[in-house]
Amino acid sequence: MRAVIRYGWKYEPRRLPPGARGLHDLRALVQGLMRRARRERQPYARVRRALLAVAPDLTDCPVLGFHEGQLELGVPNAVLRAELQGFRAEELVTALQATRDGLDVSSIRFRLLPP
């Protein structure tokens, strides 16, 4: 087979039949899947999602760790830490155990975040 060089020839993409999807749609689909996978790879993403479903007011409290049933949350100030530790810790544990993810949380520990 011999290659033929045609001077002045321009590539024109083939027209797609109605309803067909082109490569740009495939690229957008792959990018969306990769973005979703990247979001899921964040540390403790599942725990964070369950925590925000139970307590949406704790958006500024990152999950610092989750090991052997002990959940560790970072808290921005001491006042919020005292309130969470004294009044809402047990409520949060029971609510997290009742989520559809079924997290095996036995206790919550609150740590102050550095300023």
PDB file of N, CA and C in Angstrom:
ATOM      1  N   MET A   1       0.850  -1.169   0.000  1.00  0.00           N
ATOM      2  CA  MET A   1       0.000   0.000   0.000  1.00  0.00           C
ATOM      3  C   MET A   1       0.894   1.230   0.000  1.00  0.00           C
ATOM      4  N   ARG A   2       0.527   2.129  -0.844  1.00  0.00           N
ATOM      5  CA  ARG A   2       1.328   3.323  -1.001  1.00  0.00           C
ATOM      6  C   ARG A   2       0.583   4.552  -0.512  1.00  0.00           C
ATOM      7  N   ALA A   3       1.257   5.404   0.253  1.00  0.00           N
ATOM      8  CA  ALA A   3       0.630   6.634   0.727  1.00  0.00           C
ATOM      9  C   ALA A   3       0.671   7.684  -0.374  1.00  0.00           C
ATOM     10  N   VAL A   4      -0.435   8.336  -0.534  1.00  0.00           N
ATOM     11  CA  VAL A   4      -0.527   9.371  -1.554  1.00  0.00           C
ATOM     12  C   VAL A   4      -0.664  10.706  -0.849  1.00  0.00           C
ATOM     13  N   ILE A   5       0.175  11.638  -1.217  1.00  0.00           N
ATOM     14  CA  ILE A   5       0.113  12.976  -0.641  1.00  0.00           C
ATOM     15  C   ILE A   5      -0.644  13.864  -1.606  1.00  0.00           C
ATOM     16  N   ARG A   6      -1.717  14.444  -1.110  1.00  0.00           N
ATOM     17  CA  ARG A   6      -2.512  15.350  -1.938  1.00  0.00           C
ATOM     18  C   ARG A   6      -2.290  16.770  -1.445  1.00  0.00           C
ATOM     19  N   TYR A   7      -1.756  17.608  -2.285  1.00  0.00           N
ATOM     20  CA  TYR A   7      -1.499  18.988  -1.903  1.00  0.00           C
ATOM     21  C   TYR A   7      -2.784  19.797  -1.981  1.00  0.00           C
ATOM     22  N   GLY A   8      -2.992  20.638  -0.971  1.00  0.00           N
ATOM     23  CA  GLY A   8      -4.183  21.478  -0.937  1.00  0.00           C
ATOM     24  C   GLY A   8      -5.411  20.740  -0.429  1.00  0.00           C
ATOM     25  N   TRP A   9      -5.240  19.513   0.026  1.00  0.00           N
ATOM     26  CA  TRP A   9      -6.371  18.732   0.535  1.00  0.00           C
ATOM     27  C   TRP A   9      -6.610  19.087   1.987  1.00  0.00           C
ATOM     28  N   LYS A  10      -7.851  19.235   2.387  1.00  0.00           N
ATOM     29  CA  LYS A  10      -8.189  19.623   3.756  1.00  0.00           C
ATOM     30  C   LYS A  10      -9.069  18.546   4.377  1.00  0.00           C
ATOM     31  N   TYR A  11      -8.767  18.216   5.619  1.00  0.00           N
ATOM     32  CA  TYR A  11      -9.565  17.209   6.331  1.00  0.00           C
ATOM     33  C   TYR A  11     -10.888  17.808   6.751  1.00  0.00           C
ATOM     34  N   GLU A  12     -11.943  17.102   6.465  1.00  0.00           N
ATOM     35  CA  GLU A  12     -13.269  17.509   6.933  1.00  0.00           C
ATOM     36  C   GLU A  12     -13.858  16.333   7.687  1.00  0.00           C
ATOM     37  N   PRO A  13     -14.308  16.567   8.930  1.00  0.00           N
ATOM     38  CA  PRO A  13     -14.866  15.456   9.707  1.00  0.00           C
ATOM     39  C   PRO A  13     -16.142  14.914   9.055  1.00  0.00           C
ATOM     40  N   ARG A  14     -16.354  13.638   9.255  1.00  0.00           N
ATOM     41  CA  ARG A  14     -17.529  12.990   8.707  1.00  0.00           C
ATOM     42  C   ARG A  14     -18.760  13.478   9.467  1.00  0.00           C
ATOM     43  N   ARG A  15     -19.829  13.700   8.768  1.00  0.00           N
ATOM     44  CA  ARG A  15     -21.063  14.143   9.424  1.00  0.00           C
ATOM     45  C   ARG A  15     -21.676  12.965  10.175  1.00  0.00           C
ATOM     46  N   LEU A  16     -22.174  13.256  11.381  1.00  0.00           N
ATOM     47  CA  LEU A  16     -22.795  12.218  12.193  1.00  0.00           C
ATOM     48  C   LEU A  16     -24.268  12.113  11.857  1.00  0.00           C
ATOM     49  N   PRO A  17     -24.794  10.905  11.893  1.00  0.00           N
ATOM     50  CA  PRO A  17     -26.244  10.784  11.683  1.00  0.00           C
ATOM     51  C   PRO A  17     -26.998  11.426  12.852  1.00  0.00           C
ATOM     52  N   PRO A  18     -28.246  11.832  12.654  1.00  0.00           N
ATOM     53  CA  PRO A  18     -29.005  12.475  13.734  1.00  0.00           C
ATOM     54  C   PRO A  18     -29.088  11.573  14.967  1.00  0.00           C
ATOM     55  N   GLY A  19     -28.840  12.159  16.147  1.00  0.00           N
ATOM     56  CA  GLY A  19     -28.910  11.427  17.406  1.00  0.00           C
ATOM     57  C   GLY A  19     -27.611  10.757  17.806  1.00  0.00           C
ATOM     58  N   ALA A  20     -26.615  10.749  16.924  1.00  0.00           N
ATOM     59  CA  ALA A  20     -25.331  10.117  17.255  1.00  0.00           C
ATOM     60  C   ALA A  20     -24.506  11.066  18.111  1.00  0.00           C
ATOM     61  N   ARG A  21     -23.611  10.491  18.901  1.00  0.00           N
ATOM     62  CA  ARG A  21     -22.781  11.291  19.788  1.00  0.00           C
ATOM     63  C   ARG A  21     -21.348  11.258  19.276  1.00  0.00           C
ATOM     64  N   GLY A  22     -20.711  12.413  19.264  1.00  0.00           N
ATOM     65  CA  GLY A  22     -19.339  12.497  18.769  1.00  0.00           C
ATOM     66  C   GLY A  22     -18.316  12.292  19.867  1.00  0.00           C
ATOM     67  N   LEU A  23     -17.048  12.444  19.507  1.00  0.00           N
ATOM     68  CA  LEU A  23     -15.969  12.258  20.473  1.00  0.00           C
ATOM     69  C   LEU A  23     -15.945  13.334  21.549  1.00  0.00           C
ATOM     70  N   HIS A  24     -16.413  14.531  21.242  1.00  0.00           N
ATOM     71  CA  HIS A  24     -16.415  15.581  22.261  1.00  0.00           C
ATOM     72  C   HIS A  24     -17.364  15.219  23.402  1.00  0.00           C
ATOM     73  N   ASP A  25     -18.458  14.523  23.087  1.00  0.00           N
ATOM     74  CA  ASP A  25     -19.359  14.061  24.144  1.00  0.00           C
ATOM     75  C   ASP A  25     -18.700  12.989  24.990  1.00  0.00           C
ATOM     76  N   LEU A  26     -17.938  12.112  24.356  1.00  0.00           N
ATOM     77  CA  LEU A  26     -17.217  11.073  25.082  1.00  0.00           C
ATOM     78  C   LEU A  26     -16.171  11.694  26.006  1.00  0.00           C
ATOM     79  N   ARG A  27     -15.497  12.724  25.523  1.00  0.00           N
ATOM     80  CA  ARG A  27     -14.489  13.415  26.349  1.00  0.00           C
ATOM     81  C   ARG A  27     -15.144  14.044  27.572  1.00  0.00           C
ATOM     82  N   ALA A  28     -16.287  14.695  27.386  1.00  0.00           N
ATOM     83  CA  ALA A  28     -16.988  15.313  28.516  1.00  0.00           C
ATOM     84  C   ALA A  28     -17.434  14.254  29.519  1.00  0.00           C
ATOM     85  N   LEU A  29     -17.872  13.101  29.030  1.00  0.00           N
ATOM     86  CA  LEU A  29     -18.296  12.016  29.912  1.00  0.00           C
ATOM     87  C   LEU A  29     -17.121  11.490  30.734  1.00  0.00           C
ATOM     88  N   VAL A  30     -15.971  11.278  30.094  1.00  0.00           N
ATOM     89  CA  VAL A  30     -14.786  10.778  30.795  1.00  0.00           C
ATOM     90  C   VAL A  30     -14.292  11.802  31.817  1.00  0.00           C
ATOM     91  N   GLN A  31     -14.302  13.078  31.450  1.00  0.00           N
ATOM     92  CA  GLN A  31     -13.875  14.120  32.388  1.00  0.00           C
ATOM     93  C   GLN A  31     -14.789  14.164  33.603  1.00  0.00           C
ATOM     94  N   GLY A  32     -16.084  14.015  33.408  1.00  0.00           N
ATOM     95  CA  GLY A  32     -17.018  14.001  34.529  1.00  0.00           C
ATOM     96  C   GLY A  32     -16.779  12.816  35.445  1.00  0.00           C
ATOM     97  N   LEU A  33     -16.525  11.653  34.859  1.00  0.00           N
ATOM     98  CA  LEU A  33     -16.235  10.468  35.669  1.00  0.00           C
ATOM     99  C   LEU A  33     -14.949  10.636  36.464  1.00  0.00           C
ATOM    100  N   MET A  34     -13.926  11.211  35.846  1.00  0.00           N
ATOM    101  CA  MET A  34     -12.658  11.425  36.537  1.00  0.00           C
ATOM    102  C   MET A  34     -12.819  12.434  37.673  1.00  0.00           C
ATOM    103  N   ARG A  35     -13.600  13.478  37.430  1.00  0.00           N
ATOM    104  CA  ARG A  35     -13.846  14.486  38.464  1.00  0.00           C
ATOM    105  C   ARG A  35     -14.557  13.858  39.658  1.00  0.00           C
ATOM    106  N   ARG A  36     -15.546  13.013  39.369  1.00  0.00           N
ATOM    107  CA  ARG A  36     -16.286  12.347  40.434  1.00  0.00           C
ATOM    108  C   ARG A  36     -15.381  11.393  41.216  1.00  0.00           C
ATOM    109  N   ALA A  37     -14.514  10.682  40.497  1.00  0.00           N
ATOM    110  CA  ALA A  37     -13.595   9.753  41.162  1.00  0.00           C
ATOM    111  C   ALA A  37     -12.600  10.511  42.028  1.00  0.00           C
ATOM    112  N   ARG A  38     -12.130  11.667  41.556  1.00  0.00           N
ATOM    113  CA  ARG A  38     -11.203  12.479  42.337  1.00  0.00           C
ATOM    114  C   ARG A  38     -11.855  12.967  43.618  1.00  0.00           C
ATOM    115  N   ARG A  39     -13.143  13.338  43.508  1.00  0.00           N
ATOM    116  CA  ARG A  39     -13.860  13.821  44.684  1.00  0.00           C
ATOM    117  C   ARG A  39     -14.017  12.701  45.709  1.00  0.00           C
ATOM    118  N   GLU A  40     -14.247  11.483  45.235  1.00  0.00           N
ATOM    119  CA  GLU A  40     -14.414  10.354  46.149  1.00  0.00           C
ATOM    120  C   GLU A  40     -13.111   9.928  46.798  1.00  0.00           C
ATOM    121  N   ARG A  41     -11.966  10.254  46.179  1.00  0.00           N
ATOM    122  CA  ARG A  41     -10.680   9.846  46.737  1.00  0.00           C
ATOM    123  C   ARG A  41     -10.214  10.735  47.871  1.00  0.00           C
ATOM    124  N   GLN A  42     -10.888  11.830  48.099  1.00  0.00           N
ATOM    125  CA  GLN A  42     -10.485  12.682  49.203  1.00  0.00           C
ATOM    126  C   GLN A  42     -10.571  11.882  50.490  1.00  0.00           C
ATOM    127  N   PRO A  43      -9.644  12.128  51.420  1.00  0.00           N
ATOM    128  CA  PRO A  43      -9.671  11.347  52.653  1.00  0.00           C
ATOM    129  C   PRO A  43     -10.980  11.556  53.416  1.00  0.00           C
ATOM    130  N   TYR A  44     -11.550  10.462  53.847  1.00  0.00           N
ATOM    131  CA  TYR A  44     -12.770  10.468  54.660  1.00  0.00           C
ATOM    132  C   TYR A  44     -13.960  11.128  53.960  1.00  0.00           C
ATOM    133  N   ALA A  45     -14.054  10.990  52.629  1.00  0.00           N
ATOM    134  CA  ALA A  45     -15.150  11.619  51.882  1.00  0.00           C
ATOM    135  C   ALA A  45     -16.499  11.043  52.293  1.00  0.00           C
ATOM    136  N   ARG A  46     -16.564   9.732  52.494  1.00  0.00           N
ATOM    137  CA  ARG A  46     -17.823   9.089  52.881  1.00  0.00           C
ATOM    138  C   ARG A  46     -18.264   9.541  54.270  1.00  0.00           C
ATOM    139  N   VAL A  47     -17.310   9.637  55.189  1.00  0.00           N
ATOM    140  CA  VAL A  47     -17.611  10.067  56.553  1.00  0.00           C
ATOM    141  C   VAL A  47     -18.053  11.527  56.545  1.00  0.00           C
ATOM    142  N   ARG A  48     -17.371  12.347  55.762  1.00  0.00           N
ATOM    143  CA  ARG A  48     -17.701  13.779  55.667  1.00  0.00           C
ATOM    144  C   ARG A  48     -19.115  13.966  55.125  1.00  0.00           C
ATOM    145  N   ARG A  49     -19.455  13.201  54.088  1.00  0.00           N
ATOM    146  CA  ARG A  49     -20.786  13.300  53.486  1.00  0.00           C
ATOM    147  C   ARG A  49     -21.868  12.913  54.499  1.00  0.00           C
ATOM    148  N   ALA A  50     -21.635  11.849  55.261  1.00  0.00           N
ATOM    149  CA  ALA A  50     -22.612  11.423  56.274  1.00  0.00           C
ATOM    150  C   ALA A  50     -22.724  12.455  57.386  1.00  0.00           C
ATOM    151  N   LEU A  51     -21.592  13.046  57.787  1.00  0.00           N
ATOM    152  CA  LEU A  51     -21.611  14.061  58.848  1.00  0.00           C
ATOM    153  C   LEU A  51     -22.403  15.290  58.424  1.00  0.00           C
ATOM    154  N   LEU A  52     -22.216  15.732  57.184  1.00  0.00           N
ATOM    155  CA  LEU A  52     -22.945  16.911  56.715  1.00  0.00           C
ATOM    156  C   LEU A  52     -24.429  16.616  56.519  1.00  0.00           C
ATOM    157  N   ALA A  53     -24.777  15.362  56.246  1.00  0.00           N
ATOM    158  CA  ALA A  53     -26.193  15.007  56.140  1.00  0.00           C
ATOM    159  C   ALA A  53     -26.863  15.059  57.505  1.00  0.00           C
ATOM    160  N   VAL A  54     -26.112  14.686  58.545  1.00  0.00           N
ATOM    161  CA  VAL A  54     -26.658  14.664  59.904  1.00  0.00           C
ATOM    162  C   VAL A  54     -26.639  16.049  60.534  1.00  0.00           C
ATOM    163  N   ALA A  55     -25.533  16.770  60.360  1.00  0.00           N
ATOM    164  CA  ALA A  55     -25.374  18.087  60.978  1.00  0.00           C
ATOM    165  C   ALA A  55     -24.857  19.083  59.944  1.00  0.00           C
ATOM    166  N   PRO A  56     -25.751  19.702  59.163  1.00  0.00           N
ATOM    167  CA  PRO A  56     -25.300  20.632  58.117  1.00  0.00           C
ATOM    168  C   PRO A  56     -24.643  21.901  58.664  1.00  0.00           C
ATOM    169  N   ASP A  57     -24.788  22.182  59.955  1.00  0.00           N
ATOM    170  CA  ASP A  57     -24.170  23.378  60.540  1.00  0.00           C
ATOM    171  C   ASP A  57     -22.681  23.182  60.828  1.00  0.00           C
ATOM    172  N   LEU A  58     -22.159  21.976  60.631  1.00  0.00           N
ATOM    173  CA  LEU A  58     -20.742  21.705  60.915  1.00  0.00           C
ATOM    174  C   LEU A  58     -19.881  21.729  59.649  1.00  0.00           C
ATOM    175  N   THR A  59     -20.171  22.656  58.734  1.00  0.00           N
ATOM    176  CA  THR A  59     -19.417  22.725  57.479  1.00  0.00           C
ATOM    177  C   THR A  59     -17.974  23.162  57.695  1.00  0.00           C
ATOM    178  N   ASP A  60     -17.700  23.920  58.743  1.00  0.00           N
ATOM    179  CA  ASP A  60     -16.339  24.398  58.995  1.00  0.00           C
ATOM    180  C   ASP A  60     -15.547  23.461  59.915  1.00  0.00           C
ATOM    181  N   CYS A  61     -16.054  22.260  60.154  1.00  0.00           N
ATOM    182  CA  CYS A  61     -15.366  21.272  60.996  1.00  0.00           C
ATOM    183  C   CYS A  61     -14.891  20.109  60.122  1.00  0.00           C
ATOM    184  N   PRO A  62     -13.620  20.092  59.729  1.00  0.00           N
ATOM    185  CA  PRO A  62     -13.142  19.002  58.879  1.00  0.00           C
ATOM    186  C   PRO A  62     -12.966  17.697  59.653  1.00  0.00           C
ATOM    187  N   VAL A  63     -13.075  16.593  58.937  1.00  0.00           N
ATOM    188  CA  VAL A  63     -12.839  15.282  59.534  1.00  0.00           C
ATOM    189  C   VAL A  63     -11.331  15.059  59.551  1.00  0.00           C
ATOM    190  N   LEU A  64     -10.755  14.905  60.739  1.00  0.00           N
ATOM    191  CA  LEU A  64      -9.310  14.721  60.872  1.00  0.00           C
ATOM    192  C   LEU A  64      -8.924  13.253  60.888  1.00  0.00           C
ATOM    193  N   GLY A  65      -9.846  12.393  61.303  1.00  0.00           N
ATOM    194  CA  GLY A  65      -9.525  10.973  61.337  1.00  0.00           C
ATOM    195  C   GLY A  65     -10.739  10.128  61.664  1.00  0.00           C
ATOM    196  N   PHE A  66     -10.652   8.877  61.247  1.00  0.00           N
ATOM    197  CA  PHE A  66     -11.700   7.915  61.570  1.00  0.00           C
ATOM    198  C   PHE A  66     -11.021   6.557  61.644  1.00  0.00           C
ATOM    199  N   HIS A  67     -10.837   6.065  62.873  1.00  0.00           N
ATOM    200  CA  HIS A  67     -10.099   4.822  63.061  1.00  0.00           C
ATOM    201  C   HIS A  67     -10.731   4.021  64.192  1.00  0.00           C
ATOM    202  N   GLU A  68     -11.065   2.768  63.883  1.00  0.00           N
ATOM    203  CA  GLU A  68     -11.643   1.840  64.852  1.00  0.00           C
ATOM    204  C   GLU A  68     -12.841   2.425  65.594  1.00  0.00           C
ATOM    205  N   GLY A  69     -13.710   3.091  64.854  1.00  0.00           N
ATOM    206  CA  GLY A  69     -14.943   3.598  65.432  1.00  0.00           C
ATOM    207  C   GLY A  69     -14.842   4.962  66.090  1.00  0.00           C
ATOM    208  N   GLN A  70     -13.641   5.519  66.171  1.00  0.00           N
ATOM    209  CA  GLN A  70     -13.499   6.837  66.792  1.00  0.00           C
ATOM    210  C   GLN A  70     -13.344   7.892  65.697  1.00  0.00           C
ATOM    211  N   LEU A  71     -14.298   8.802  65.658  1.00  0.00           N
ATOM    212  CA  LEU A  71     -14.302   9.887  64.689  1.00  0.00           C
ATOM    213  C   LEU A  71     -13.644  11.107  65.315  1.00  0.00           C
ATOM    214  N   GLU A  72     -12.731  11.720  64.583  1.00  0.00           N
ATOM    215  CA  GLU A  72     -12.014  12.886  65.106  1.00  0.00           C
ATOM    216  C   GLU A  72     -12.328  14.087  64.224  1.00  0.00           C
ATOM    217  N   LEU A  73     -12.915  15.117  64.816  1.00  0.00           N
ATOM    218  CA  LEU A  73     -13.304  16.323  64.095  1.00  0.00           C
ATOM    219  C   LEU A  73     -12.456  17.504  64.538  1.00  0.00           C
ATOM    220  N   GLY A  74     -12.092  18.355  63.597  1.00  0.00           N
ATOM    221  CA  GLY A  74     -11.407  19.602  63.913  1.00  0.00           C
ATOM    222  C   GLY A  74     -12.433  20.702  64.130  1.00  0.00           C
ATOM    223  N   VAL A  75     -12.253  21.494  65.157  1.00  0.00           N
ATOM    224  CA  VAL A  75     -13.203  22.550  65.506  1.00  0.00           C
ATOM    225  C   VAL A  75     -12.462  23.884  65.507  1.00  0.00           C
ATOM    226  N   PRO A  76     -13.032  24.930  64.886  1.00  0.00           N
ATOM    227  CA  PRO A  76     -12.318  26.196  64.760  1.00  0.00           C
ATOM    228  C   PRO A  76     -12.146  27.000  66.051  1.00  0.00           C
ATOM    229  N   ASN A  77     -13.064  26.859  67.023  1.00  0.00           N
ATOM    230  CA  ASN A  77     -12.893  27.636  68.256  1.00  0.00           C
ATOM    231  C   ASN A  77     -13.313  26.832  69.485  1.00  0.00           C
ATOM    232  N   ALA A  78     -12.874  27.284  70.625  1.00  0.00           N
ATOM    233  CA  ALA A  78     -13.087  26.548  71.873  1.00  0.00           C
ATOM    234  C   ALA A  78     -14.550  26.559  72.321  1.00  0.00           C
ATOM    235  N   VAL A  79     -15.273  27.604  71.998  1.00  0.00           N
ATOM    236  CA  VAL A  79     -16.675  27.689  72.400  1.00  0.00           C
ATOM    237  C   VAL A  79     -17.491  26.606  71.691  1.00  0.00           C
ATOM    238  N   LEU A  80     -17.271  26.473  70.389  1.00  0.00           N
ATOM    239  CA  LEU A  80     -17.977  25.442  69.632  1.00  0.00           C
ATOM    240  C   LEU A  80     -17.559  24.046  70.090  1.00  0.00           C
ATOM    241  N   ARG A  81     -16.284  23.901  70.420  1.00  0.00           N
ATOM    242  CA  ARG A  81     -15.790  22.609  70.912  1.00  0.00           C
ATOM    243  C   ARG A  81     -16.498  22.216  72.213  1.00  0.00           C
ATOM    244  N   ALA A  82     -16.621  23.181  73.124  1.00  0.00           N
ATOM    245  CA  ALA A  82     -17.288  22.902  74.399  1.00  0.00           C
ATOM    246  C   ALA A  82     -18.761  22.552  74.187  1.00  0.00           C
ATOM    247  N   GLU A  83     -19.416  23.262  73.280  1.00  0.00           N
ATOM    248  CA  GLU A  83     -20.826  22.982  73.006  1.00  0.00           C
ATOM    249  C   GLU A  83     -20.997  21.583  72.396  1.00  0.00           C
ATOM    250  N   LEU A  84     -20.164  21.266  71.434  1.00  0.00           N
ATOM    251  CA  LEU A  84     -20.268  19.956  70.787  1.00  0.00           C
ATOM    252  C   LEU A  84     -19.943  18.826  71.751  1.00  0.00           C
ATOM    253  N   GLN A  85     -18.901  19.014  72.522  1.00  0.00           N
ATOM    254  CA  GLN A  85     -18.463  17.971  73.448  1.00  0.00           C
ATOM    255  C   GLN A  85     -19.485  17.747  74.560  1.00  0.00           C
ATOM    256  N   GLY A  86     -20.061  18.828  75.045  1.00  0.00           N
ATOM    257  CA  GLY A  86     -20.969  18.706  76.182  1.00  0.00           C
ATOM    258  C   GLY A  86     -22.391  18.350  75.818  1.00  0.00           C
ATOM    259  N   PHE A  87     -22.884  18.881  74.696  1.00  0.00           N
ATOM    260  CA  PHE A  87     -24.312  18.740  74.429  1.00  0.00           C
ATOM    261  C   PHE A  87     -24.658  17.872  73.232  1.00  0.00           C
ATOM    262  N   ARG A  88     -23.788  17.813  72.218  1.00  0.00           N
ATOM    263  CA  ARG A  88     -24.214  17.173  70.977  1.00  0.00           C
ATOM    264  C   ARG A  88     -23.436  15.922  70.605  1.00  0.00           C
ATOM    265  N   ALA A  89     -22.467  15.509  71.373  1.00  0.00           N
ATOM    266  CA  ALA A  89     -21.632  14.369  70.999  1.00  0.00           C
ATOM    267  C   ALA A  89     -22.455  13.083  70.875  1.00  0.00           C
ATOM    268  N   GLU A  90     -23.243  12.765  71.870  1.00  0.00           N
ATOM    269  CA  GLU A  90     -24.040  11.534  71.844  1.00  0.00           C
ATOM    270  C   GLU A  90     -25.093  11.571  70.740  1.00  0.00           C
ATOM    271  N   GLU A  91     -25.682  12.751  70.547  1.00  0.00           N
ATOM    272  CA  GLU A  91     -26.687  12.912  69.490  1.00  0.00           C
ATOM    273  C   GLU A  91     -26.063  12.655  68.116  1.00  0.00           C
ATOM    274  N   LEU A  92     -24.859  13.187  67.902  1.00  0.00           N
ATOM    275  CA  LEU A  92     -24.181  12.982  66.626  1.00  0.00           C
ATOM    276  C   LEU A  92     -23.808  11.520  66.409  1.00  0.00           C
ATOM    277  N   VAL A  93     -23.363  10.847  67.459  1.00  0.00           N
ATOM    278  CA  VAL A  93     -22.990   9.427  67.336  1.00  0.00           C
ATOM    279  C   VAL A  93     -24.203   8.589  66.929  1.00  0.00           C
ATOM    280  N   THR A  94     -25.324   8.776  67.599  1.00  0.00           N
ATOM    281  CA  THR A  94     -26.518   7.977  67.265  1.00  0.00           C
ATOM    282  C   THR A  94     -27.039   8.323  65.872  1.00  0.00           C
ATOM    283  N   ALA A  95     -26.969   9.588  65.490  1.00  0.00           N
ATOM    284  CA  ALA A  95     -27.433   9.985  64.158  1.00  0.00           C
ATOM    285  C   ALA A  95     -26.529   9.412  63.062  1.00  0.00           C
ATOM    286  N   LEU A  96     -25.212   9.383  63.285  1.00  0.00           N
ATOM    287  CA  LEU A  96     -24.287   8.817  62.299  1.00  0.00           C
ATOM    288  C   LEU A  96     -24.465   7.302  62.178  1.00  0.00           C
ATOM    289  N   GLN A  97     -24.780   6.646  63.269  1.00  0.00           N
ATOM    290  CA  GLN A  97     -25.007   5.201  63.210  1.00  0.00           C
ATOM    291  C   GLN A  97     -26.294   4.879  62.461  1.00  0.00           C
ATOM    292  N   ALA A  98     -27.249   5.799  62.469  1.00  0.00           N
ATOM    293  CA  ALA A  98     -28.534   5.569  61.819  1.00  0.00           C
ATOM    294  C   ALA A  98     -28.548   5.965  60.340  1.00  0.00           C
ATOM    295  N   THR A  99     -27.465   6.533  59.818  1.00  0.00           N
ATOM    296  CA  THR A  99     -27.443   6.920  58.404  1.00  0.00           C
ATOM    297  C   THR A  99     -27.444   5.686  57.529  1.00  0.00           C
ATOM    298  N   ARG A 100     -27.743   5.883  56.249  1.00  0.00           N
ATOM    299  CA  ARG A 100     -27.805   4.735  55.341  1.00  0.00           C
ATOM    300  C   ARG A 100     -26.426   4.165  55.054  1.00  0.00           C
ATOM    301  N   ASP A 101     -25.367   4.938  55.284  1.00  0.00           N
ATOM    302  CA  ASP A 101     -24.008   4.411  55.130  1.00  0.00           C
ATOM    303  C   ASP A 101     -23.676   3.439  56.249  1.00  0.00           C
ATOM    304  N   GLY A 102     -24.371   3.586  57.375  1.00  0.00           N
ATOM    305  CA  GLY A 102     -24.168   2.673  58.491  1.00  0.00           C
ATOM    306  C   GLY A 102     -22.761   2.739  59.066  1.00  0.00           C
ATOM    307  N   LEU A 103     -22.274   3.939  59.312  1.00  0.00           N
ATOM    308  CA  LEU A 103     -20.928   4.090  59.856  1.00  0.00           C
ATOM    309  C   LEU A 103     -20.858   3.527  61.266  1.00  0.00           C
ATOM    310  N   ASP A 104     -19.811   2.813  61.548  1.00  0.00           N
ATOM    311  CA  ASP A 104     -19.628   2.203  62.867  1.00  0.00           C
ATOM    312  C   ASP A 104     -18.894   3.191  63.771  1.00  0.00           C
ATOM    313  N   VAL A 105     -19.590   4.244  64.196  1.00  0.00           N
ATOM    314  CA  VAL A 105     -19.008   5.273  65.049  1.00  0.00           C
ATOM    315  C   VAL A 105     -19.364   4.954  66.492  1.00  0.00           C
ATOM    316  N   SER A 106     -18.334   4.810  67.322  1.00  0.00           N
ATOM    317  CA  SER A 106     -18.596   4.547  68.738  1.00  0.00           C
ATOM    318  C   SER A 106     -18.382   5.787  69.596  1.00  0.00           C
ATOM    319  N   SER A 107     -17.519   6.702  69.154  1.00  0.00           N
ATOM    320  CA  SER A 107     -17.289   7.940  69.906  1.00  0.00           C
ATOM    321  C   SER A 107     -16.771   9.022  68.967  1.00  0.00           C
ATOM    322  N   ILE A 108     -16.913  10.256  69.423  1.00  0.00           N
ATOM    323  CA  ILE A 108     -16.416  11.407  68.662  1.00  0.00           C
ATOM    324  C   ILE A 108     -15.462  12.187  69.544  1.00  0.00           C
ATOM    325  N   ARG A 109     -14.358  12.579  68.962  1.00  0.00           N
ATOM    326  CA  ARG A 109     -13.366  13.394  69.667  1.00  0.00           C
ATOM    327  C   ARG A 109     -13.214  14.704  68.907  1.00  0.00           C
ATOM    328  N   PHE A 110     -13.210  15.813  69.628  1.00  0.00           N
ATOM    329  CA  PHE A 110     -13.109  17.144  69.019  1.00  0.00           C
ATOM    330  C   PHE A 110     -11.745  17.741  69.329  1.00  0.00           C
ATOM    331  N   ARG A 111     -11.066  18.235  68.297  1.00  0.00           N
ATOM    332  CA  ARG A 111      -9.756  18.878  68.482  1.00  0.00           C
ATOM    333  C   ARG A 111      -9.791  20.283  67.938  1.00  0.00           C
ATOM    334  N   LEU A 112      -9.157  21.201  68.635  1.00  0.00           N
ATOM    335  CA  LEU A 112      -9.084  22.577  68.171  1.00  0.00           C
ATOM    336  C   LEU A 112      -8.133  22.667  66.982  1.00  0.00           C
ATOM    337  N   LEU A 113      -8.575  23.401  65.967  1.00  0.00           N
ATOM    338  CA  LEU A 113      -7.731  23.642  64.801  1.00  0.00           C
ATOM    339  C   LEU A 113      -6.793  24.803  65.108  1.00  0.00           C
ATOM    340  N   PRO A 114      -5.591  24.813  64.539  1.00  0.00           N
ATOM    341  CA  PRO A 114      -4.695  25.950  64.774  1.00  0.00           C
ATOM    342  C   PRO A 114      -5.259  27.201  64.104  1.00  0.00           C
ATOM    343  N   PRO A 115      -5.009  28.355  64.692  1.00  0.00           N
ATOM    344  CA  PRO A 115      -5.575  29.606  64.128  1.00  0.00           C
ATOM    345  C   PRO A 115      -4.980  29.990  62.806  1.00  0.00           C
TER     346      PRO A 115
END
